[in-house]
Protein backbone atom coordinates (compact mmCIF):
# COMPACT_ATOMS: atom_id res chain seq x y z
CA MET A 1 21.55 -16.32 -18.80
CA GLY A 2 24.41 -18.77 -19.41
CA THR A 3 25.85 -16.73 -22.29
CA TYR A 4 26.22 -13.76 -19.95
CA ILE A 5 28.36 -15.61 -17.41
CA PRO A 6 32.02 -14.86 -18.31
CA ASN A 7 33.38 -18.39 -17.78
CA SER A 8 35.20 -20.14 -20.60
CA GLU A 9 34.36 -23.73 -21.51
CA GLN A 10 37.62 -24.82 -19.84
CA GLU A 11 36.72 -23.00 -16.63
CA LYS A 12 33.25 -24.57 -16.63
CA GLN A 13 34.80 -28.03 -17.02
CA GLU A 14 37.23 -27.35 -14.15
CA LEU A 15 34.25 -26.35 -11.95
CA LEU A 16 32.43 -29.57 -12.86
CA ASN A 17 35.53 -31.65 -12.14
CA ALA A 18 36.02 -29.94 -8.77
CA CYS A 19 32.44 -30.95 -7.89
CA GLY A 20 33.14 -34.53 -8.96
CA PHE A 21 31.18 -34.55 -12.24
CA GLU A 22 32.27 -35.28 -15.79
CA ASN A 23 29.59 -33.13 -17.39
CA TYR A 24 26.31 -31.32 -16.75
CA ALA A 25 24.26 -34.46 -17.46
CA ALA A 26 26.03 -36.18 -14.57
CA MET A 27 25.36 -33.20 -12.30
CA PHE A 28 21.62 -33.44 -12.95
CA ALA A 29 21.43 -37.25 -13.00
CA ASP A 30 19.10 -37.33 -9.97
CA ILE A 31 16.41 -35.38 -11.84
CA PRO A 32 13.80 -37.71 -13.45
CA GLU A 33 14.06 -38.07 -17.22
CA SER A 34 10.39 -37.16 -17.58
CA VAL A 35 10.96 -33.56 -16.44
CA LEU A 36 14.22 -32.90 -18.30
CA LEU A 37 14.13 -30.56 -21.30
CA LYS A 38 15.78 -32.44 -24.15
CA ASP A 39 15.14 -30.01 -27.00
CA GLY A 40 15.53 -26.71 -25.17
CA LEU A 41 12.90 -24.13 -24.32
CA ASN A 42 10.10 -23.36 -26.77
CA LEU A 43 11.22 -19.79 -27.41
CA PRO A 44 11.31 -17.78 -30.66
CA GLU A 45 14.59 -16.96 -32.36
CA GLY A 46 16.50 -13.96 -31.12
CA MET A 47 15.90 -10.54 -32.70
CA ALA A 48 18.05 -7.51 -33.36
CA GLU A 49 17.86 -4.72 -30.77
CA LEU A 50 15.96 -2.37 -33.10
CA SER A 51 13.47 -5.12 -33.97
CA VAL A 52 12.90 -5.87 -30.27
CA LYS A 53 12.34 -2.16 -29.57
CA ARG A 54 9.76 -1.89 -32.35
CA ARG A 55 8.03 -5.09 -31.24
CA MET A 56 7.77 -3.87 -27.64
CA GLU A 57 6.41 -0.49 -28.83
CA ASP A 58 3.75 -2.32 -30.87
CA LEU A 59 2.75 -4.35 -27.82
CA ALA A 60 2.70 -1.28 -25.57
CA GLY A 61 0.50 0.47 -28.13
CA GLN A 62 -2.22 -2.09 -27.44
CA ASN A 63 -2.58 -0.83 -23.86
CA LYS A 64 -5.37 1.65 -23.23
CA VAL A 65 -3.98 4.57 -21.25
CA TYR A 66 -6.62 6.85 -19.74
CA ARG A 67 -5.84 10.52 -19.45
CA HIS A 68 -8.96 11.18 -17.37
CA ILE A 69 -9.27 9.00 -14.24
CA PHE A 70 -12.15 8.99 -11.77
CA ARG A 71 -11.37 5.70 -10.00
CA GLY A 72 -9.68 5.10 -6.66
CA ALA A 73 -10.59 2.17 -4.37
CA GLY A 74 -7.09 1.91 -2.92
CA ALA A 75 -4.83 3.34 -5.66
CA TYR A 76 -5.05 7.04 -6.50
CA ASN A 77 -4.04 9.32 -9.37
CA HIS A 78 -2.17 12.24 -7.80
CA TYR A 79 0.17 14.83 -9.27
CA ILE A 80 3.84 13.96 -8.71
CA PRO A 81 6.21 16.97 -8.85
CA SER A 82 9.02 16.58 -11.41
CA ALA A 83 11.62 16.94 -8.66
CA VAL A 84 10.55 13.60 -7.16
CA LYS A 85 11.54 11.51 -10.19
CA ALA A 86 14.63 13.66 -10.86
CA ILE A 87 16.00 13.10 -7.35
CA THR A 88 15.06 9.46 -6.82
CA SER A 89 16.48 8.40 -10.20
CA LYS A 90 19.97 9.59 -9.24
CA GLU A 91 22.42 6.70 -9.37
CA GLU A 92 23.43 7.01 -5.71
CA PHE A 93 19.80 6.61 -4.61
CA VAL A 94 18.61 3.83 -6.88
CA THR A 95 18.49 0.56 -4.96
CA ALA A 96 16.10 -2.31 -5.48
CA TYR A 97 16.32 -3.53 -1.93
CA THR A 98 17.26 -2.78 1.63
CA PRO A 99 21.00 -2.79 2.53
CA TYR A 100 22.27 -5.67 4.62
CA GLN A 101 25.51 -3.97 5.61
CA ALA A 102 23.40 -1.22 7.01
CA GLU A 103 25.81 0.97 8.97
CA ILE A 104 28.11 1.54 5.98
CA SER A 105 25.07 2.83 4.06
CA GLN A 106 24.71 6.06 6.01
CA GLY A 107 22.95 7.89 3.18
CA ILE A 108 20.25 5.24 2.88
CA LEU A 109 19.84 5.06 6.65
CA GLN A 110 19.42 8.82 6.85
CA ALA A 111 16.80 8.68 4.08
CA VAL A 112 14.90 6.00 6.05
CA PHE A 113 15.19 8.06 9.23
CA GLU A 114 13.67 11.06 7.42
CA PHE A 115 10.87 8.83 6.09
CA GLN A 116 10.10 7.52 9.59
CA THR A 117 10.08 11.07 10.95
CA MET A 118 7.66 12.36 8.32
CA ILE A 119 5.30 9.39 8.77
CA CYS A 120 5.25 10.17 12.50
CA GLU A 121 4.44 13.82 11.75
CA LEU A 122 1.68 12.78 9.36
CA THR A 123 0.05 10.27 11.73
CA GLY A 124 0.89 11.91 15.06
CA MET A 125 2.36 8.62 16.30
CA ASP A 126 5.58 8.21 18.30
CA VAL A 127 7.60 5.87 16.09
CA ALA A 128 7.43 4.47 12.54
CA ASN A 129 9.29 1.67 10.82
CA ALA A 130 11.23 1.77 7.56
CA SER A 131 8.15 0.54 5.59
CA VAL A 132 6.70 -2.81 4.54
CA TYR A 133 5.51 -4.12 1.18
CA ASP A 134 2.12 -2.45 0.76
CA GLY A 135 -0.88 -1.14 2.69
CA ALA A 136 -2.60 -4.53 2.97
CA THR A 137 0.58 -6.12 4.34
CA ALA A 138 0.91 -3.26 6.83
CA ALA A 139 -2.65 -3.89 8.04
CA ALA A 140 -2.02 -7.62 8.49
CA GLU A 141 1.31 -7.01 10.23
CA ALA A 142 -0.41 -4.57 12.60
CA VAL A 143 -2.95 -7.25 13.50
CA ALA A 144 -0.08 -9.67 14.16
CA MET A 145 1.49 -7.10 16.51
CA CYS A 146 -1.57 -7.35 18.75
CA HIS A 147 -1.48 -11.13 19.07
CA GLU A 148 -0.82 -12.33 22.62
CA ARG A 149 0.04 -15.93 23.38
CA LYS A 150 -1.35 -16.00 26.92
CA ARG A 151 -4.93 -15.08 26.01
CA ALA A 152 -7.56 -16.00 23.45
CA ASN A 153 -7.34 -13.77 20.41
CA THR A 154 -10.12 -12.59 18.12
CA VAL A 155 -9.58 -9.91 15.50
CA TYR A 156 -12.41 -7.53 14.66
CA VAL A 157 -12.38 -5.81 11.27
CA ALA A 158 -14.88 -3.25 10.02
CA GLN A 159 -16.83 -4.33 6.95
CA THR A 160 -16.14 -0.86 5.56
CA VAL A 161 -12.46 -1.78 5.03
CA ASN A 162 -11.16 -2.39 1.50
CA PRO A 163 -12.12 -6.02 0.68
CA GLN A 164 -8.59 -6.82 -0.53
CA VAL A 165 -7.15 -5.68 2.81
CA ILE A 166 -9.66 -7.86 4.65
CA GLU A 167 -8.57 -10.88 2.60
CA VAL A 168 -4.89 -10.32 3.45
CA ILE A 169 -5.73 -9.98 7.16
CA LYS A 170 -7.69 -13.23 6.99
CA THR A 171 -4.77 -14.99 5.29
CA TYR A 172 -2.33 -13.90 8.02
CA CYS A 173 -4.76 -14.91 10.76
CA PHE A 174 -5.47 -18.31 9.18
CA GLY A 175 -1.81 -19.25 9.58
CA LYS A 176 -1.96 -18.50 13.31
CA ASP A 177 -5.42 -19.98 13.89
CA ILE A 178 -6.82 -16.56 14.84
CA GLU A 179 -10.53 -15.91 14.35
CA VAL A 180 -11.53 -12.86 12.29
CA LYS A 181 -14.96 -11.31 12.90
CA ILE A 182 -16.41 -8.71 10.54
CA VAL A 183 -18.25 -5.75 12.11
CA PRO A 184 -21.23 -4.89 9.87
CA VAL A 185 -21.80 -1.66 7.98
CA LYS A 186 -24.74 0.67 8.59
CA ASP A 187 -25.50 3.58 6.24
CA GLY A 188 -21.99 3.50 4.77
CA ALA A 189 -20.13 3.52 8.11
CA THR A 190 -19.21 1.01 10.80
CA ASP A 191 -22.21 0.01 12.94
CA MET A 192 -21.16 1.29 16.35
CA GLU A 193 -23.89 -0.55 18.26
CA ALA A 194 -23.00 -3.82 16.55
CA LEU A 195 -19.35 -3.38 17.58
CA LYS A 196 -20.41 -2.80 21.20
CA GLN A 197 -22.41 -6.01 21.20
CA MET A 198 -19.84 -8.13 19.35
CA ILE A 199 -16.52 -7.20 20.94
CA ASP A 200 -15.47 -8.88 24.19
CA LYS A 201 -12.40 -9.44 26.36
CA GLU A 202 -11.07 -12.08 23.97
CA ALA A 203 -10.57 -9.38 21.34
CA SER A 204 -6.96 -8.59 20.53
CA CYS A 205 -7.69 -5.65 18.22
CA PHE A 206 -10.16 -3.75 16.07
CA TYR A 207 -9.15 -2.56 12.58
CA LEU A 208 -10.80 0.49 11.00
CA GLN A 209 -10.15 2.26 7.69
CA GLN A 210 -10.31 6.06 7.59
CA PRO A 211 -11.77 7.26 5.23
CA ASN A 212 -13.46 3.94 4.63
CA TYR A 213 -13.76 1.96 1.41
CA TYR A 214 -16.90 3.87 0.41
CA GLY A 215 -15.08 7.18 0.95
CA ASN A 216 -17.01 8.05 4.13
CA ILE A 217 -15.40 9.50 7.24
CA GLU A 218 -15.82 7.26 10.29
CA ASP A 219 -16.21 8.37 13.90
CA ALA A 220 -12.79 6.89 14.65
CA LYS A 221 -12.42 8.19 18.19
CA ALA A 222 -15.74 6.74 19.38
CA LEU A 223 -15.04 3.37 17.72
CA GLY A 224 -11.57 3.30 19.26
CA GLU A 225 -12.99 3.91 22.71
CA ILE A 226 -15.26 0.88 22.29
CA ALA A 227 -12.23 -1.27 21.45
CA HIS A 228 -10.27 0.09 24.39
CA SER A 229 -13.19 -0.59 26.75
CA VAL A 230 -12.39 -4.33 26.51
CA LYS A 231 -8.61 -3.70 26.49
CA ALA A 232 -8.32 -4.43 22.76
CA LYS A 233 -5.86 -2.49 20.60
CA PHE A 234 -7.21 0.02 18.08
CA ILE A 235 -5.62 -0.02 14.59
CA MET A 236 -6.37 2.69 12.03
CA GLY A 237 -5.68 2.31 8.32
CA VAL A 238 -5.35 5.84 6.93
CA ASN A 239 -5.11 7.53 3.55
CA PRO A 240 -1.92 9.63 3.82
CA ILE A 241 -3.31 12.54 1.77
CA ALA A 242 -6.49 12.68 3.86
CA ALA A 243 -4.32 12.49 6.99
CA ALA A 244 -2.98 15.95 6.13
CA VAL A 245 -6.35 17.51 7.02
CA LEU A 246 -8.30 14.96 9.07
CA GLN A 247 -7.93 14.05 12.75
CA THR A 248 -4.65 12.14 13.19
CA PRO A 249 -4.66 8.51 14.37
CA MET A 250 -2.99 9.64 17.61
CA GLU A 251 -5.77 12.19 18.20
CA ALA A 252 -8.32 9.42 17.57
CA GLY A 253 -6.64 7.24 20.21
CA ALA A 254 -5.16 4.66 17.83
CA ASP A 255 -2.48 2.29 19.09
CA ILE A 256 -1.20 1.59 15.58
CA ALA A 257 -1.54 3.57 12.33
CA VAL A 258 -0.94 1.94 8.97
CA GLY A 259 -1.68 2.72 5.36
CA GLU A 260 -0.90 2.46 1.68
CA GLY A 261 1.86 4.92 0.77
CA GLN A 262 1.13 4.91 -2.98
CA PRO A 263 -0.46 8.41 -2.91
CA LEU A 264 2.88 9.79 -1.64
CA GLY A 265 4.59 10.21 -5.01
CA LEU A 266 4.25 6.69 -6.42
CA PRO A 267 2.55 6.32 -9.84
CA LEU A 268 -0.34 3.90 -10.34
CA GLY A 269 2.03 1.60 -12.27
CA PHE A 270 -0.43 -1.26 -12.98
CA GLY A 271 -0.62 -2.03 -9.26
CA GLY A 272 2.91 -1.62 -7.96
CA PRO A 273 5.46 -1.50 -6.57
CA TYR A 274 3.75 0.26 -3.68
CA LEU A 275 4.60 1.01 -0.07
CA GLY A 276 3.16 0.10 3.32
CA PHE A 277 3.77 2.47 6.23
CA MET A 278 3.42 1.58 9.92
CA ALA A 279 3.58 3.75 13.02
CA THR A 280 2.76 3.14 16.65
CA THR A 281 3.06 4.44 20.21
CA ASN A 282 6.15 4.17 22.39
CA LYS A 283 4.33 1.51 24.40
CA MET A 284 4.15 -0.85 21.39
CA MET A 285 7.46 0.14 19.80
CA ARG A 286 9.20 -3.18 20.49
CA LYS A 287 6.46 -5.09 18.65
CA LEU A 288 6.84 -3.05 15.48
CA PRO A 289 8.00 -5.39 12.67
CA GLY A 290 10.69 -4.80 10.08
CA ARG A 291 13.50 -2.29 10.21
CA LEU A 292 13.85 0.72 12.47
CA VAL A 293 16.54 3.35 11.95
CA GLY A 294 17.76 5.35 14.93
CA GLN A 295 20.00 8.40 15.23
CA THR A 296 23.13 8.31 17.40
CA VAL A 297 26.72 9.62 17.39
CA ASP A 298 29.93 7.89 16.33
CA VAL A 299 33.24 7.67 18.24
CA ASP A 300 34.07 11.22 17.11
CA GLY A 301 30.77 12.61 18.34
CA LYS A 302 29.38 13.10 14.83
CA ARG A 303 25.78 12.29 13.95
CA ALA A 304 25.30 8.74 12.67
CA PHE A 305 22.45 6.38 11.87
CA VAL A 306 22.00 2.73 12.87
CA LEU A 307 19.46 -0.05 12.76
CA THR A 308 18.06 -0.13 16.26
CA LEU A 309 15.95 -2.35 18.55
CA GLN A 310 17.11 -5.42 16.64
CA ALA A 311 16.26 -7.69 19.59
CA ARG A 312 12.65 -7.68 18.44
CA GLU A 313 13.64 -9.12 15.04
CA GLN A 314 13.15 -12.75 14.14
CA HIS A 315 16.83 -13.20 13.32
CA ILE A 316 17.71 -12.60 16.99
CA ARG A 317 14.63 -13.75 18.91
CA ARG A 318 12.83 -15.62 16.18
CA GLU A 319 11.06 -18.05 18.50
CA LYS A 320 9.18 -15.04 19.92
CA ALA A 321 8.87 -13.07 16.67
CA SER A 322 5.44 -11.97 15.49
CA SER A 323 6.63 -11.19 11.96
CA ASN A 324 8.79 -12.49 9.13
CA VAL A 325 9.44 -9.02 7.72
CA CYS A 326 13.09 -7.99 7.99
CA SER A 327 13.41 -5.69 4.98
CA ASN A 328 11.68 -2.63 3.54
CA GLN A 329 10.59 -0.99 0.29
CA GLN A 330 13.61 1.29 0.25
CA LEU A 331 13.28 3.03 -3.13
CA CYS A 332 9.53 3.50 -2.65
CA ALA A 333 10.11 4.88 0.86
CA LEU A 334 12.72 7.27 -0.52
CA THR A 335 10.22 8.39 -3.16
CA ALA A 336 7.60 9.04 -0.48
CA SER A 337 10.15 11.02 1.55
CA VAL A 338 11.11 13.20 -1.42
CA TYR A 339 7.43 13.73 -2.27
CA MET A 340 6.53 14.79 1.29
CA ALA A 341 9.57 17.05 1.53
CA THR A 342 8.81 18.62 -1.85
CA MET A 343 5.13 19.18 -1.08
CA GLY A 344 5.64 20.30 2.50
CA THR A 345 2.84 20.69 5.01
CA ASP A 346 1.07 23.38 2.99
CA GLY A 347 1.34 21.39 -0.25
CA LEU A 348 -0.08 18.21 1.27
CA GLN A 349 -2.96 20.14 2.84
CA GLU A 350 -3.66 21.93 -0.44
CA ALA A 351 -3.73 18.61 -2.33
CA ALA A 352 -6.14 17.20 0.26
CA LYS A 353 -8.41 20.25 0.10
CA GLN A 354 -8.53 20.10 -3.69
CA CYS A 355 -9.36 16.38 -3.55
CA ALA A 356 -12.28 17.02 -1.23
CA ALA A 357 -13.53 20.08 -3.13
CA LYS A 358 -13.42 18.37 -6.52
CA ALA A 359 -15.07 15.21 -5.20
CA HIS A 360 -17.97 17.26 -3.84
CA TYR A 361 -18.25 19.16 -7.13
CA LEU A 362 -18.24 15.83 -9.01
CA ALA A 363 -20.97 14.48 -6.72
CA ALA A 364 -23.13 17.54 -7.32
CA LYS A 365 -22.74 17.31 -11.11
CA LEU A 366 -23.52 13.58 -11.13
CA GLN A 367 -26.69 14.23 -9.14
CA GLU A 368 -27.69 16.83 -11.71
CA ALA A 369 -27.05 14.18 -14.38
CA GLY A 370 -29.53 11.80 -12.75
CA LEU A 371 -27.54 9.75 -10.26
CA SER A 372 -28.16 9.77 -6.51
CA LEU A 373 -25.76 9.47 -3.57
CA LYS A 374 -26.18 6.21 -1.70
CA TYR A 375 -25.03 7.49 1.69
CA ASN A 376 -25.77 10.63 3.64
CA GLN A 377 -22.31 10.78 5.21
CA GLU A 378 -19.36 13.14 5.29
CA TYR A 379 -16.78 11.96 2.73
CA PHE A 380 -13.27 12.87 1.63
CA HIS A 381 -12.65 12.24 -2.10
CA GLU A 382 -14.67 9.09 -2.81
CA PHE A 383 -18.41 8.42 -2.75
CA VAL A 384 -20.98 5.90 -4.00
CA THR A 385 -23.78 6.68 -6.44
CA VAL A 386 -26.87 4.70 -7.40
CA ALA A 387 -28.27 4.75 -10.95
CA ASP A 388 -31.58 3.73 -12.52
CA LYS A 389 -29.61 2.47 -15.54
CA LYS A 390 -26.99 -0.25 -15.47
CA ALA A 391 -23.69 0.97 -14.06
CA GLN A 392 -21.90 -0.92 -16.83
CA ASP A 393 -23.66 1.20 -19.48
CA ILE A 394 -22.47 4.40 -17.81
CA LEU A 395 -18.87 3.19 -17.52
CA ALA A 396 -18.88 1.90 -21.12
CA LYS A 397 -20.00 5.33 -22.37
CA LEU A 398 -17.20 7.01 -20.45
CA ASP A 399 -14.69 4.46 -21.72
CA GLU A 400 -15.65 5.25 -25.32
CA ASN A 401 -14.66 8.84 -24.63
CA GLY A 402 -11.30 8.09 -23.00
CA ILE A 403 -12.51 8.41 -19.40
CA LEU A 404 -11.88 5.77 -16.73
CA GLY A 405 -15.03 5.99 -14.62
CA GLY A 406 -15.52 4.81 -11.07
CA LEU A 407 -15.43 1.24 -9.80
CA MET A 408 -18.64 -0.75 -10.33
CA LEU A 409 -19.67 -2.20 -6.97
CA ASN A 410 -22.78 -3.94 -8.33
CA GLU A 411 -25.26 -3.60 -11.18
CA ARG A 412 -26.45 -0.15 -10.11
CA GLU A 413 -23.73 1.28 -7.85
CA ILE A 414 -20.43 3.01 -8.69
CA LEU A 415 -17.63 4.10 -6.36
CA TRP A 416 -16.26 7.40 -7.74
CA CYS A 417 -13.06 9.24 -6.87
CA ALA A 418 -11.71 12.70 -7.61
CA THR A 419 -8.24 14.07 -6.90
CA GLU A 420 -6.43 17.34 -7.55
CA MET A 421 -5.71 15.96 -11.06
CA ASN A 422 -9.35 16.30 -12.16
CA THR A 423 -10.32 19.66 -13.66
CA LYS A 424 -13.72 21.35 -13.65
CA GLU A 425 -13.87 20.89 -17.43
CA GLU A 426 -13.23 17.14 -17.10
CA ILE A 427 -15.94 16.79 -14.48
CA ASP A 428 -18.45 18.77 -16.56
CA ALA A 429 -17.71 16.60 -19.62
CA LEU A 430 -18.10 13.40 -17.57
CA ALA A 431 -21.43 14.56 -16.15
CA ALA A 432 -22.71 15.40 -19.64
CA LEU A 433 -21.90 11.86 -20.85
CA VAL A 434 -23.57 10.32 -17.78
CA LYS A 435 -26.66 12.44 -18.49
CA GLU A 436 -26.80 11.06 -22.06
CA VAL A 437 -26.94 7.51 -20.71
């Protein structure tokens, strides 16, 4: 980047002299000779802009882009209204990061406040933060919220949670020497009797995913009551689209609700950037990590927005902090806000209903094609099938025809997903190909 820094050679020499060096070699004299680059970086020669453009287009052409997607497992293909991109790409909105002179950024603060409000409406909880990095981070941060220094802490996590989320929770807990116990699965849902036997008064929290990794709907309220019976906190990880029609975390008795915000207007994008949302009750508000925007009035009595409850942040009481997060995914949160506002309550519920209806139609067609459902459970828009043939053969056949099939769980099992993006014609064509195999 040196050629882009507008300092003349004379100015550079004056800077070196001011630092007490004759040249750059003297500045880096403490670096061992063995690691110094003597002949420059091994990079190709520069190219003209048009040549670079053509080269990048050739490389991009090697990617396989599926028009028909039947895979979820944590990232979902939903329709994003054109207004979302049009609004969030406006110059005054585009920001890569959270503002650190917050109160002069009233527009951004208001956008965060609206995001927090809509997340509270979606989850039923009392207060939400300005977002964290992704759904897995949100889950791990929620577990950290429940950690108490004056008592033994054990974290219980349902085996039906997304395996990647479980790994992130384990990583967070490893750093704090907190034990993580996995509650086994039974018939595609959390084994309630096993939880009753396992959990004790040393438990700090129990984490449940709703719908779970296999797409099944858990009895969240009953599982939460088991956690509360030993005074442990109950954390629910929720799919925000499913939350538009299912029982809210507040109705299920959750103390904390978290989730992956990618379905709220963010494209799949090869895995990111995504968005983690967190919401909780008034009782646990001061333990909520990251940024919180509040509404107040200025000296003239006009509405204004501020960062609030900063005493819980690590930069003020860091010796007592339970989190390192002090920023948020601002542009992603703005995108989620615009998506929710554009869709409205009716739009979100319609998207959820279409997801469920098309998933059940897909399941019926796949059964006609020769597959069987693994679990006899209520499900939202994902489900697991079992095949007599190798799952890889089925997915390879679909791939040949431009269809991204479900996620292969093992040699015979596939986790399928349908959203409002999948048409009846697509589903019929997929089922016909599966039947061939």
